[in-house]
Amino acid sequence: MSGRREFLGPCRKADIRFRLLVAALFLIFNSSFLIGEAAAQVPNDDIEHRRTLQLNQAVQSSTTDCTVQWTAVDEKLTGKCIEYHNDQWFEFTPRTAGRYYVNIAGQQCRDTRGVQLVVLTGTPGQPATYQVLSCTSLGSQDDVFVTLEGLKAGQPYLLDVDGYLKDFCGFSIAVSSTPRGVPAMALPPLATVTPSEKKLFTLRWTLADSLGSVARFQVLRREAAAFRAAPLAILSVERTTLGNANTEYSWTDTLAIPGRYLYQVVAETTDTTAPVLVQQQWYAFSQIMPNENYFSGAAAAAAKQATKAQQSWERRSHRARMKHLANLRRH
């Protein structure tokens, strides 16, 4: 009736609260069900249901809740490169022979480790026929590519993706004619790094003649516990007065927070050649002085190894300078 307010009695209010509670529980139940469905085991968990990849077409997948089909793998073929925990299978058949790239991007993982990839040929599900072409353990969630040389037209290739040390990861994968990301390479051992109190760290590298038409270098840095590397700087290739590319480069970083940092230098070319990882090195910045027994045992060996590596680099740099000066004298 117009102009009147209708007041609800206690029973009516209790009934409304009950209905709202039932509706909320219904929404929560359905949301949990949908999330569970999204994280369900992928169909290509078994090699019989492997997923076919088309050239230059990325697909989304996840290692969550995957299992190992032990009759389809043989860890002796990959050695220490990979231990299977939650793998899944893909297949790619190139129409033309040549070089291809497996691009892995958009990793979203429970841990830092990321995924690992094995590329092989053979009869699916019969490990005795397998031949491993590539085995890569990433150890991070960076966007990376793996180069596959000399693939044959019409030859099926098997790709096995596993969560590194049982990491649960969502990711995209594509076999492409164009590389995307950073070249996937084994990391230097972190255990050999000797901590330093110096905030300034200088990274040095050389430009080899074999790299061809390099236009610039990109410097990346990742803290050991971080998911991804961050770009720090881009350095253009320097030229001499004669137009030749300089062979020696360096870049200095100032660290504000103690930690263990991985530095990488990627050479980017002016043509269609894939980027090349020319330097990667760990540096440990610590503000705590080691005790008097620190430089004993393994630590002493690590310090000695680091010194030898630096001396080796200095010798190579000296030879490169002498070669460069000799070339200048001839001109």
C-alpha atoms as a PDB file:
ATOM      1  CA  MET A   1       0.000   0.000   0.000  1.00  0.00           C
ATOM      2  CA  SER A   2       1.480   3.392  -0.981  1.00  0.00           C
ATOM      3  CA  GLY A   3       3.153   5.383   1.771  1.00  0.00           C
ATOM      4  CA  ARG A   4       3.371   2.481   4.205  1.00  0.00           C
ATOM      5  CA  ARG A   5       6.494   0.669   5.396  1.00  0.00           C
ATOM      6  CA  GLU A   6       6.322  -3.071   5.775  1.00  0.00           C
ATOM      7  CA  PHE A   7       8.195  -4.387   8.824  1.00  0.00           C
ATOM      8  CA  LEU A   8       9.486  -7.957   8.797  1.00  0.00           C
ATOM      9  CA  GLY A   9       8.904 -10.115  11.786  1.00  0.00           C
ATOM     10  CA  PRO A  10      11.639 -12.228  13.450  1.00  0.00           C
ATOM     11  CA  CYS A  11      10.552 -15.393  11.619  1.00  0.00           C
ATOM     12  CA  ARG A  12      10.604 -13.664   8.259  1.00  0.00           C
ATOM     13  CA  LYS A  13      14.114 -12.242   8.906  1.00  0.00           C
ATOM     14  CA  ALA A  14      15.413 -15.664   9.970  1.00  0.00           C
ATOM     15  CA  ASP A  15      14.003 -17.193   6.800  1.00  0.00           C
ATOM     16  CA  ILE A  16      15.764 -14.599   4.612  1.00  0.00           C
ATOM     17  CA  ARG A  17      19.072 -15.134   6.428  1.00  0.00           C
ATOM     18  CA  PHE A  18      18.748 -18.886   5.924  1.00  0.00           C
ATOM     19  CA  ARG A  19      18.083 -18.453   2.195  1.00  0.00           C
ATOM     20  CA  LEU A  20      21.124 -16.161   1.831  1.00  0.00           C
ATOM     21  CA  LEU A  21      23.315 -18.684   3.651  1.00  0.00           C
ATOM     22  CA  VAL A  22      22.162 -21.496   1.334  1.00  0.00           C
ATOM     23  CA  ALA A  23      22.866 -19.334  -1.722  1.00  0.00           C
ATOM     24  CA  ALA A  24      26.375 -18.472  -0.452  1.00  0.00           C
ATOM     25  CA  LEU A  25      27.193 -22.123   0.198  1.00  0.00           C
ATOM     26  CA  PHE A  26      25.951 -23.006  -3.287  1.00  0.00           C
ATOM     27  CA  LEU A  27      28.265 -20.418  -4.863  1.00  0.00           C
ATOM     28  CA  ILE A  28      31.232 -21.585  -2.793  1.00  0.00           C
ATOM     29  CA  PHE A  29      30.617 -25.214  -3.721  1.00  0.00           C
ATOM     30  CA  ASN A  30      30.344 -24.459  -7.420  1.00  0.00           C
ATOM     31  CA  SER A  31      33.426 -22.227  -7.390  1.00  0.00           C
ATOM     32  CA  SER A  32      35.464 -24.998  -5.725  1.00  0.00           C
ATOM     33  CA  PHE A  33      34.158 -27.488  -8.258  1.00  0.00           C
ATOM     34  CA  LEU A  34      35.153 -25.260 -11.188  1.00  0.00           C
ATOM     35  CA  ILE A  35      38.612 -24.645  -9.751  1.00  0.00           C
ATOM     36  CA  GLY A  36      39.061 -28.377  -9.262  1.00  0.00           C
ATOM     37  CA  GLU A  37      38.019 -28.969 -12.854  1.00  0.00           C
ATOM     38  CA  ALA A  38      40.484 -26.330 -14.111  1.00  0.00           C
ATOM     39  CA  ALA A  39      43.344 -28.046 -12.260  1.00  0.00           C
ATOM     40  CA  ALA A  40      42.350 -31.550 -13.339  1.00  0.00           C
ATOM     41  CA  GLN A  41      44.836 -33.873 -14.989  1.00  0.00           C
ATOM     42  CA  VAL A  42      45.380 -33.039 -18.670  1.00  0.00           C
ATOM     43  CA  PRO A  43      44.319 -35.678 -21.263  1.00  0.00           C
ATOM     44  CA  ASN A  44      47.870 -35.988 -22.631  1.00  0.00           C
ATOM     45  CA  ASP A  45      49.135 -37.308 -19.291  1.00  0.00           C
ATOM     46  CA  ASP A  46      49.555 -40.657 -21.093  1.00  0.00           C
ATOM     47  CA  ILE A  47      51.566 -40.979 -24.283  1.00  0.00           C
ATOM     48  CA  GLU A  48      48.648 -42.662 -26.077  1.00  0.00           C
ATOM     49  CA  HIS A  49      46.756 -39.374 -25.758  1.00  0.00           C
ATOM     50  CA  ARG A  50      49.692 -37.104 -26.661  1.00  0.00           C
ATOM     51  CA  ARG A  51      48.738 -33.680 -27.946  1.00  0.00           C
ATOM     52  CA  THR A  52      49.627 -32.719 -31.518  1.00  0.00           C
ATOM     53  CA  LEU A  53      51.393 -29.373 -31.926  1.00  0.00           C
ATOM     54  CA  GLN A  54      51.003 -27.286 -35.075  1.00  0.00           C
ATOM     55  CA  LEU A  55      53.811 -25.019 -36.261  1.00  0.00           C
ATOM     56  CA  ASN A  56      53.766 -21.546 -34.671  1.00  0.00           C
ATOM     57  CA  GLN A  57      50.623 -22.286 -32.649  1.00  0.00           C
ATOM     58  CA  ALA A  58      51.067 -22.091 -28.864  1.00  0.00           C
ATOM     59  CA  VAL A  59      48.926 -24.251 -26.599  1.00  0.00           C
ATOM     60  CA  GLN A  60      48.256 -23.946 -22.864  1.00  0.00           C
ATOM     61  CA  SER A  61      48.803 -26.811 -20.440  1.00  0.00           C
ATOM     62  CA  SER A  62      49.642 -27.678 -16.825  1.00  0.00           C
ATOM     63  CA  THR A  63      51.689 -30.273 -14.949  1.00  0.00           C
ATOM     64  CA  THR A  64      49.344 -30.182 -11.947  1.00  0.00           C
ATOM     65  CA  ASP A  65      48.152 -33.650 -10.897  1.00  0.00           C
ATOM     66  CA  CYS A  66      49.940 -35.356 -13.791  1.00  0.00           C
ATOM     67  CA  THR A  67      51.467 -38.768 -13.186  1.00  0.00           C
ATOM     68  CA  VAL A  68      54.320 -40.720 -14.752  1.00  0.00           C
ATOM     69  CA  GLN A  69      53.538 -43.505 -17.188  1.00  0.00           C
ATOM     70  CA  TRP A  70      56.622 -45.526 -16.302  1.00  0.00           C
ATOM     71  CA  THR A  71      56.256 -47.936 -19.224  1.00  0.00           C
ATOM     72  CA  ALA A  72      56.693 -44.963 -21.588  1.00  0.00           C
ATOM     73  CA  VAL A  73      59.926 -43.494 -20.122  1.00  0.00           C
ATOM     74  CA  ASP A  74      63.451 -44.588 -19.270  1.00  0.00           C
ATOM     75  CA  GLU A  75      65.462 -42.333 -16.944  1.00  0.00           C
ATOM     76  CA  LYS A  76      68.690 -44.026 -18.031  1.00  0.00           C
ATOM     77  CA  LEU A  77      68.349 -42.256 -21.400  1.00  0.00           C
ATOM     78  CA  THR A  78      68.449 -38.792 -19.852  1.00  0.00           C
ATOM     79  CA  GLY A  79      70.817 -39.452 -16.933  1.00  0.00           C
ATOM     80  CA  LYS A  80      70.973 -36.655 -14.368  1.00  0.00           C
ATOM     81  CA  CYS A  81      69.223 -34.193 -16.677  1.00  0.00           C
ATOM     82  CA  ILE A  82      65.722 -35.161 -15.578  1.00  0.00           C
ATOM     83  CA  GLU A  83      63.843 -37.144 -12.948  1.00  0.00           C
ATOM     84  CA  TYR A  84      60.245 -37.791 -13.919  1.00  0.00           C
ATOM     85  CA  HIS A  85      57.521 -36.711 -11.504  1.00  0.00           C
ATOM     86  CA  ASN A  86      54.455 -35.397 -13.383  1.00  0.00           C
ATOM     87  CA  ASP A  87      55.094 -35.494 -17.117  1.00  0.00           C
ATOM     88  CA  GLN A  88      52.862 -35.118 -20.159  1.00  0.00           C
ATOM     89  CA  TRP A  89      53.309 -35.735 -23.882  1.00  0.00           C
ATOM     90  CA  PHE A  90      53.191 -33.748 -27.122  1.00  0.00           C
ATOM     91  CA  GLU A  91      54.053 -34.590 -30.724  1.00  0.00           C
ATOM     92  CA  PHE A  92      55.241 -32.454 -33.628  1.00  0.00           C
ATOM     93  CA  THR A  93      55.787 -33.443 -37.271  1.00  0.00           C
ATOM     94  CA  PRO A  94      57.549 -30.833 -39.455  1.00  0.00           C
ATOM     95  CA  ARG A  95      56.439 -30.456 -43.043  1.00  0.00           C
ATOM     96  CA  THR A  96      59.861 -29.232 -44.133  1.00  0.00           C
ATOM     97  CA  ALA A  97      63.326 -30.153 -42.887  1.00  0.00           C
ATOM     98  CA  GLY A  98      65.414 -27.657 -40.940  1.00  0.00           C
ATOM     99  CA  ARG A  99      65.894 -25.849 -37.671  1.00  0.00           C
ATOM    100  CA  TYR A 100      62.997 -25.332 -35.264  1.00  0.00           C
ATOM    101  CA  TYR A 101      62.546 -23.849 -31.810  1.00  0.00           C
ATOM    102  CA  VAL A 102      60.506 -25.061 -28.848  1.00  0.00           C
ATOM    103  CA  ASN A 103      59.252 -21.926 -27.087  1.00  0.00           C
ATOM    104  CA  ILE A 104      58.108 -22.251 -23.469  1.00  0.00           C
ATOM    105  CA  ALA A 105      56.475 -19.155 -21.999  1.00  0.00           C
ATOM    106  CA  GLY A 106      54.052 -17.835 -19.411  1.00  0.00           C
ATOM    107  CA  GLN A 107      55.080 -20.250 -16.677  1.00  0.00           C
ATOM    108  CA  GLN A 108      53.030 -19.948 -13.484  1.00  0.00           C
ATOM    109  CA  CYS A 109      54.477 -22.383 -10.957  1.00  0.00           C
ATOM    110  CA  ARG A 110      53.987 -23.342  -7.338  1.00  0.00           C
ATOM    111  CA  ASP A 111      57.770 -23.292  -6.794  1.00  0.00           C
ATOM    112  CA  THR A 112      60.624 -21.462  -8.512  1.00  0.00           C
ATOM    113  CA  ARG A 113      61.828 -24.392 -10.581  1.00  0.00           C
ATOM    114  CA  GLY A 114      59.648 -24.349 -13.686  1.00  0.00           C
ATOM    115  CA  VAL A 115      59.378 -27.182 -16.188  1.00  0.00           C
ATOM    116  CA  GLN A 116      61.835 -29.450 -17.958  1.00  0.00           C
ATOM    117  CA  LEU A 117      61.705 -30.717 -21.526  1.00  0.00           C
ATOM    118  CA  VAL A 118      62.860 -33.851 -23.326  1.00  0.00           C
ATOM    119  CA  VAL A 119      62.663 -34.099 -27.128  1.00  0.00           C
ATOM    120  CA  LEU A 120      63.111 -37.529 -28.677  1.00  0.00           C
ATOM    121  CA  THR A 121      62.288 -39.820 -31.558  1.00  0.00           C
ATOM    122  CA  GLY A 122      61.101 -43.401 -31.535  1.00  0.00           C
ATOM    123  CA  THR A 123      57.969 -45.482 -31.248  1.00  0.00           C
ATOM    124  CA  PRO A 124      55.639 -43.913 -28.643  1.00  0.00           C
ATOM    125  CA  GLY A 125      55.540 -46.007 -25.482  1.00  0.00           C
ATOM    126  CA  GLN A 126      58.571 -48.129 -26.407  1.00  0.00           C
ATOM    127  CA  PRO A 127      61.629 -46.625 -24.631  1.00  0.00           C
ATOM    128  CA  ALA A 128      63.987 -49.154 -26.254  1.00  0.00           C
ATOM    129  CA  THR A 129      63.424 -47.317 -29.561  1.00  0.00           C
ATOM    130  CA  TYR A 130      63.929 -43.794 -28.184  1.00  0.00           C
ATOM    131  CA  GLN A 131      66.727 -41.477 -29.232  1.00  0.00           C
ATOM    132  CA  VAL A 132      67.044 -38.323 -27.121  1.00  0.00           C
ATOM    133  CA  LEU A 133      67.656 -35.156 -29.155  1.00  0.00           C
ATOM    134  CA  SER A 134      67.464 -32.624 -26.339  1.00  0.00           C
ATOM    135  CA  CYS A 135      67.075 -32.571 -22.559  1.00  0.00           C
ATOM    136  CA  THR A 136      66.598 -29.279 -20.716  1.00  0.00           C
ATOM    137  CA  SER A 137      65.963 -28.470 -17.054  1.00  0.00           C
ATOM    138  CA  LEU A 138      65.108 -24.789 -16.721  1.00  0.00           C
ATOM    139  CA  GLY A 139      65.358 -24.064 -12.996  1.00  0.00           C
ATOM    140  CA  SER A 140      63.322 -20.857 -13.389  1.00  0.00           C
ATOM    141  CA  GLN A 141      60.110 -19.526 -14.876  1.00  0.00           C
ATOM    142  CA  ASP A 142      61.722 -17.411 -17.577  1.00  0.00           C
ATOM    143  CA  ASP A 143      60.453 -17.472 -21.151  1.00  0.00           C
ATOM    144  CA  VAL A 144      62.970 -19.686 -22.958  1.00  0.00           C
ATOM    145  CA  PHE A 145      63.537 -21.514 -26.211  1.00  0.00           C
ATOM    146  CA  VAL A 146      65.265 -24.795 -27.062  1.00  0.00           C
ATOM    147  CA  THR A 147      66.878 -25.091 -30.496  1.00  0.00           C
ATOM    148  CA  LEU A 148      66.284 -28.270 -32.488  1.00  0.00           C
ATOM    149  CA  GLU A 149      68.682 -28.663 -35.398  1.00  0.00           C
ATOM    150  CA  GLY A 150      68.203 -30.752 -38.519  1.00  0.00           C
ATOM    151  CA  LEU A 151      64.658 -32.008 -38.038  1.00  0.00           C
ATOM    152  CA  LYS A 152      63.433 -34.233 -40.867  1.00  0.00           C
ATOM    153  CA  ALA A 153      60.293 -33.581 -42.868  1.00  0.00           C
ATOM    154  CA  GLY A 154      57.505 -36.023 -42.066  1.00  0.00           C
ATOM    155  CA  GLN A 155      59.333 -37.405 -39.001  1.00  0.00           C
ATOM    156  CA  PRO A 156      57.235 -37.340 -35.794  1.00  0.00           C
ATOM    157  CA  TYR A 157      59.049 -35.949 -32.750  1.00  0.00           C
ATOM    158  CA  LEU A 158      57.947 -36.592 -29.161  1.00  0.00           C
ATOM    159  CA  LEU A 159      58.088 -33.821 -26.542  1.00  0.00           C
ATOM    160  CA  ASP A 160      57.870 -34.784 -22.876  1.00  0.00           C
ATOM    161  CA  VAL A 161      57.273 -31.919 -20.404  1.00  0.00           C
ATOM    162  CA  ASP A 162      57.705 -32.494 -16.657  1.00  0.00           C
ATOM    163  CA  GLY A 163      57.573 -30.254 -13.593  1.00  0.00           C
ATOM    164  CA  TYR A 164      61.169 -29.756 -12.423  1.00  0.00           C
ATOM    165  CA  LEU A 165      61.434 -31.621  -9.086  1.00  0.00           C
ATOM    166  CA  LYS A 166      57.638 -32.083  -9.112  1.00  0.00           C
ATOM    167  CA  ASP A 167      56.857 -28.392  -9.546  1.00  0.00           C
ATOM    168  CA  PHE A 168      53.225 -27.706 -10.491  1.00  0.00           C
ATOM    169  CA  CYS A 169      53.254 -25.346 -13.462  1.00  0.00           C
ATOM    170  CA  GLY A 170      50.894 -23.833 -15.962  1.00  0.00           C
ATOM    171  CA  PHE A 171      52.702 -22.951 -19.194  1.00  0.00           C
ATOM    172  CA  SER A 172      52.405 -22.428 -22.934  1.00  0.00           C
ATOM    173  CA  ILE A 173      54.407 -24.426 -25.451  1.00  0.00           C
ATOM    174  CA  ALA A 174      54.914 -23.998 -29.176  1.00  0.00           C
ATOM    175  CA  VAL A 175      57.178 -25.392 -31.877  1.00  0.00           C
ATOM    176  CA  SER A 176      58.089 -22.411 -34.001  1.00  0.00           C
ATOM    177  CA  SER A 177      60.273 -21.169 -36.818  1.00  0.00           C
ATOM    178  CA  THR A 178      61.108 -18.142 -34.635  1.00  0.00           C
ATOM    179  CA  PRO A 179      62.701 -18.247 -31.156  1.00  0.00           C
ATOM    180  CA  ARG A 180      61.061 -16.413 -28.260  1.00  0.00           C
ATOM    181  CA  GLY A 181      62.758 -15.608 -24.963  1.00  0.00           C
ATOM    182  CA  VAL A 182      66.213 -16.529 -23.672  1.00  0.00           C
ATOM    183  CA  PRO A 183      68.228 -19.537 -24.884  1.00  0.00           C
ATOM    184  CA  ALA A 184      67.727 -22.430 -22.446  1.00  0.00           C
ATOM    185  CA  MET A 185      71.127 -23.486 -21.103  1.00  0.00           C
ATOM    186  CA  ALA A 186      72.416 -25.274 -18.022  1.00  0.00           C
ATOM    187  CA  LEU A 187      73.182 -22.873 -15.174  1.00  0.00           C
ATOM    188  CA  PRO A 188      76.646 -22.609 -13.629  1.00  0.00           C
ATOM    189  CA  PRO A 189      76.880 -24.316 -10.216  1.00  0.00           C
ATOM    190  CA  LEU A 190      75.771 -22.011  -7.429  1.00  0.00           C
ATOM    191  CA  ALA A 191      77.711 -23.951  -4.791  1.00  0.00           C
ATOM    192  CA  THR A 192      81.070 -22.712  -6.129  1.00  0.00           C
ATOM    193  CA  VAL A 193      80.257 -19.013  -5.592  1.00  0.00           C
ATOM    194  CA  THR A 194      82.289 -17.249  -2.915  1.00  0.00           C
ATOM    195  CA  PRO A 195      80.340 -14.504  -1.031  1.00  0.00           C
ATOM    196  CA  SER A 196      81.640 -10.946  -1.266  1.00  0.00           C
ATOM    197  CA  GLU A 197      80.936  -7.784   0.702  1.00  0.00           C
ATOM    198  CA  LYS A 198      81.247  -5.608  -2.390  1.00  0.00           C
ATOM    199  CA  LYS A 199      78.007  -4.001  -3.558  1.00  0.00           C
ATOM    200  CA  LEU A 200      79.493  -3.294  -6.963  1.00  0.00           C
ATOM    201  CA  PHE A 201      79.736  -6.236  -9.332  1.00  0.00           C
ATOM    202  CA  THR A 202      81.278  -5.950 -12.790  1.00  0.00           C
ATOM    203  CA  LEU A 203      80.238  -8.422 -15.436  1.00  0.00           C
ATOM    204  CA  ARG A 204      82.681  -8.950 -18.317  1.00  0.00           C
ATOM    205  CA  TRP A 205      82.284 -10.764 -21.627  1.00  0.00           C
ATOM    206  CA  THR A 206      83.736 -10.936 -25.117  1.00  0.00           C
ATOM    207  CA  LEU A 207      82.181 -10.753 -28.566  1.00  0.00           C
ATOM    208  CA  ALA A 208      83.372 -13.744 -30.581  1.00  0.00           C
ATOM    209  CA  ASP A 209      83.803 -13.478 -34.348  1.00  0.00           C
ATOM    210  CA  SER A 210      81.606 -16.561 -34.754  1.00  0.00           C
ATOM    211  CA  LEU A 211      78.529 -14.701 -33.498  1.00  0.00           C
ATOM    212  CA  GLY A 212      78.160 -12.754 -36.715  1.00  0.00           C
ATOM    213  CA  SER A 213      76.070  -9.589 -36.920  1.00  0.00           C
ATOM    214  CA  VAL A 214      75.398  -8.831 -33.256  1.00  0.00           C
ATOM    215  CA  ALA A 215      73.619  -5.509 -32.747  1.00  0.00           C
ATOM    216  CA  ARG A 216      73.311  -5.318 -28.958  1.00  0.00           C
ATOM    217  CA  PHE A 217      73.578  -7.132 -25.648  1.00  0.00           C
ATOM    218  CA  GLN A 218      70.838  -7.477 -23.053  1.00  0.00           C
ATOM    219  CA  VAL A 219      71.866  -7.866 -19.406  1.00  0.00           C
ATOM    220  CA  LEU A 220      69.511  -9.852 -17.155  1.00  0.00           C
ATOM    221  CA  ARG A 221      69.589 -10.521 -13.419  1.00  0.00           C
ATOM    222  CA  ARG A 222      67.700 -12.988 -11.224  1.00  0.00           C
ATOM    223  CA  GLU A 223      67.987 -13.524  -7.482  1.00  0.00           C
ATOM    224  CA  ALA A 224      68.276 -17.230  -6.656  1.00  0.00           C
ATOM    225  CA  ALA A 225      64.804 -17.426  -5.080  1.00  0.00           C
ATOM    226  CA  ALA A 226      63.078 -15.247  -7.690  1.00  0.00           C
ATOM    227  CA  PHE A 227      60.735 -16.678 -10.307  1.00  0.00           C
ATOM    228  CA  ARG A 228      62.011 -14.706 -13.299  1.00  0.00           C
ATOM    229  CA  ALA A 229      65.000 -12.703 -14.471  1.00  0.00           C
ATOM    230  CA  ALA A 230      64.648  -8.934 -14.831  1.00  0.00           C
ATOM    231  CA  PRO A 231      66.202  -6.919 -17.679  1.00  0.00           C
ATOM    232  CA  LEU A 232      68.764  -4.444 -16.371  1.00  0.00           C
ATOM    233  CA  ALA A 233      70.440  -2.876 -19.378  1.00  0.00           C
ATOM    234  CA  ILE A 234      70.867  -2.923 -23.147  1.00  0.00           C
ATOM    235  CA  LEU A 235      74.330  -2.234 -24.552  1.00  0.00           C
ATOM    236  CA  SER A 236      74.872  -1.540 -28.229  1.00  0.00           C
ATOM    237  CA  VAL A 237      77.851  -3.081 -29.978  1.00  0.00           C
ATOM    238  CA  GLU A 238      80.664  -0.545 -30.118  1.00  0.00           C
ATOM    239  CA  ARG A 239      82.666   0.137 -33.257  1.00  0.00           C
ATOM    240  CA  THR A 240      86.280   1.153 -33.773  1.00  0.00           C
ATOM    241  CA  THR A 241      87.343   3.987 -36.054  1.00  0.00           C
ATOM    242  CA  LEU A 242      87.838   1.340 -38.735  1.00  0.00           C
ATOM    243  CA  GLY A 243      84.266   0.081 -38.342  1.00  0.00           C
ATOM    244  CA  ASN A 244      85.167  -3.182 -36.632  1.00  0.00           C
ATOM    245  CA  ALA A 245      83.190  -4.357 -33.612  1.00  0.00           C
ATOM    246  CA  ASN A 246      84.914  -4.105 -30.247  1.00  0.00           C
ATOM    247  CA  THR A 247      85.490  -7.502 -28.670  1.00  0.00           C
ATOM    248  CA  GLU A 248      85.486  -6.655 -24.957  1.00  0.00           C
ATOM    249  CA  TYR A 249      82.549  -5.431 -22.907  1.00  0.00           C
ATOM    250  CA  SER A 250      81.661  -4.865 -19.266  1.00  0.00           C
ATOM    251  CA  TRP A 251      78.757  -3.630 -17.191  1.00  0.00           C
ATOM    252  CA  THR A 252      78.664  -2.776 -13.484  1.00  0.00           C
ATOM    253  CA  ASP A 253      75.693  -3.355 -11.207  1.00  0.00           C
ATOM    254  CA  THR A 254      75.121  -1.817  -7.772  1.00  0.00           C
ATOM    255  CA  LEU A 255      73.379  -4.203  -5.379  1.00  0.00           C
ATOM    256  CA  ALA A 256      71.216  -2.866  -2.555  1.00  0.00           C
ATOM    257  CA  ILE A 257      70.077  -6.132  -0.969  1.00  0.00           C
ATOM    258  CA  PRO A 258      72.287  -9.111  -0.002  1.00  0.00           C
ATOM    259  CA  GLY A 259      71.582 -12.251  -1.984  1.00  0.00           C
ATOM    260  CA  ARG A 260      72.761 -14.659  -4.650  1.00  0.00           C
ATOM    261  CA  TYR A 261      72.288 -13.235  -8.125  1.00  0.00           C
ATOM    262  CA  LEU A 262      72.494 -14.851 -11.539  1.00  0.00           C
ATOM    263  CA  TYR A 263      73.645 -12.526 -14.313  1.00  0.00           C
ATOM    264  CA  GLN A 264      73.105 -13.369 -17.969  1.00  0.00           C
ATOM    265  CA  VAL A 265      74.183 -11.576 -21.133  1.00  0.00           C
ATOM    266  CA  VAL A 266      72.232 -12.293 -24.314  1.00  0.00           C
ATOM    267  CA  ALA A 267      73.580 -11.241 -27.706  1.00  0.00           C
ATOM    268  CA  GLU A 268      70.852 -10.116 -30.089  1.00  0.00           C
ATOM    269  CA  THR A 269      71.516 -10.046 -33.829  1.00  0.00           C
ATOM    270  CA  THR A 270      70.323  -7.773 -36.619  1.00  0.00           C
ATOM    271  CA  ASP A 271      69.113 -10.673 -38.770  1.00  0.00           C
ATOM    272  CA  THR A 272      66.907 -13.704 -38.100  1.00  0.00           C
ATOM    273  CA  THR A 273      69.619 -15.554 -36.166  1.00  0.00           C
ATOM    274  CA  ALA A 274      68.529 -16.716 -32.713  1.00  0.00           C
ATOM    275  CA  PRO A 275      69.775 -14.804 -29.656  1.00  0.00           C
ATOM    276  CA  VAL A 276      72.892 -16.275 -28.052  1.00  0.00           C
ATOM    277  CA  LEU A 277      73.743 -16.519 -24.361  1.00  0.00           C
ATOM    278  CA  VAL A 278      77.340 -15.260 -24.213  1.00  0.00           C
ATOM    279  CA  GLN A 279      77.816 -15.053 -20.446  1.00  0.00           C
ATOM    280  CA  GLN A 280      76.126 -16.219 -17.257  1.00  0.00           C
ATOM    281  CA  GLN A 281      77.610 -15.939 -13.826  1.00  0.00           C
ATOM    282  CA  TRP A 282      76.519 -16.086 -10.189  1.00  0.00           C
ATOM    283  CA  TYR A 283      77.484 -13.379  -7.714  1.00  0.00           C
ATOM    284  CA  ALA A 284      76.830 -13.591  -3.960  1.00  0.00           C
ATOM    285  CA  PHE A 285      76.579 -10.304  -2.087  1.00  0.00           C
ATOM    286  CA  SER A 286      76.852 -10.698   1.689  1.00  0.00           C
ATOM    287  CA  GLN A 287      77.192  -8.143   4.478  1.00  0.00           C
ATOM    288  CA  ILE A 288      78.259 -10.747   7.031  1.00  0.00           C
ATOM    289  CA  MET A 289      81.974 -11.461   7.322  1.00  0.00           C
ATOM    290  CA  PRO A 290      82.795 -15.195   7.141  1.00  0.00           C
ATOM    291  CA  ASN A 291      84.435 -16.755  10.181  1.00  0.00           C
ATOM    292  CA  GLU A 292      88.101 -17.624  10.238  1.00  0.00           C
ATOM    293  CA  ASN A 293      87.468 -21.219   9.195  1.00  0.00           C
ATOM    294  CA  TYR A 294      85.340 -20.270   6.188  1.00  0.00           C
ATOM    295  CA  PHE A 295      88.115 -20.598   3.637  1.00  0.00           C
ATOM    296  CA  SER A 296      88.696 -24.277   4.282  1.00  0.00           C
ATOM    297  CA  GLY A 297      87.545 -27.370   2.531  1.00  0.00           C
ATOM    298  CA  ALA A 298      84.947 -26.790  -0.180  1.00  0.00           C
ATOM    299  CA  ALA A 299      84.988 -23.000   0.261  1.00  0.00           C
ATOM    300  CA  ALA A 300      88.729 -22.852  -0.367  1.00  0.00           C
ATOM    301  CA  ALA A 301      88.340 -24.980  -3.480  1.00  0.00           C
ATOM    302  CA  ALA A 302      85.544 -22.709  -4.687  1.00  0.00           C
ATOM    303  CA  ALA A 303      87.668 -19.606  -4.143  1.00  0.00           C
ATOM    304  CA  LYS A 304      90.563 -21.207  -6.017  1.00  0.00           C
ATOM    305  CA  GLN A 305      88.289 -22.155  -8.894  1.00  0.00           C
ATOM    306  CA  ALA A 306      86.882 -18.631  -9.106  1.00  0.00           C
ATOM    307  CA  THR A 307      90.407 -17.191  -9.183  1.00  0.00           C
ATOM    308  CA  LYS A 308      91.427 -19.563 -11.979  1.00  0.00           C
ATOM    309  CA  ALA A 309      88.339 -18.625 -13.985  1.00  0.00           C
ATOM    310  CA  GLN A 310      89.151 -14.921 -13.629  1.00  0.00           C
ATOM    311  CA  GLN A 311      92.778 -15.494 -14.658  1.00  0.00           C
ATOM    312  CA  SER A 312      91.644 -17.499 -17.671  1.00  0.00           C
ATOM    313  CA  TRP A 313      89.338 -14.680 -18.732  1.00  0.00           C
ATOM    314  CA  GLU A 314      92.160 -12.126 -18.330  1.00  0.00           C
ATOM    315  CA  ARG A 315      94.463 -14.253 -20.522  1.00  0.00           C
ATOM    316  CA  ARG A 316      91.807 -14.529 -23.242  1.00  0.00           C
ATOM    317  CA  SER A 317      91.202 -10.793 -23.054  1.00  0.00           C
ATOM    318  CA  HIS A 318      94.924 -10.073 -23.361  1.00  0.00           C
ATOM    319  CA  ARG A 319      95.200 -12.285 -26.453  1.00  0.00           C
ATOM    320  CA  ALA A 320      92.170 -10.568 -27.980  1.00  0.00           C
ATOM    321  CA  ARG A 321      93.728  -7.131 -27.342  1.00  0.00           C
ATOM    322  CA  MET A 322      97.032  -8.168 -28.896  1.00  0.00           C
ATOM    323  CA  LYS A 323      95.235  -9.561 -31.938  1.00  0.00           C
ATOM    324  CA  HIS A 324      93.229  -6.358 -32.248  1.00  0.00           C
ATOM    325  CA  LEU A 325      96.386  -4.188 -32.025  1.00  0.00           C
ATOM    326  CA  ALA A 326      98.125  -6.353 -34.618  1.00  0.00           C
ATOM    327  CA  ASN A 327      95.226  -5.864 -36.999  1.00  0.00           C
ATOM    328  CA  LEU A 328      95.364  -2.082 -36.440  1.00  0.00           C
ATOM    329  CA  ARG A 329      99.086  -2.010 -37.248  1.00  0.00           C
ATOM    330  CA  ARG A 330      98.523  -3.904 -40.505  1.00  0.00           C
ATOM    331  CA  HIS A 331      95.944  -1.298 -41.545  1.00  0.00           C
END
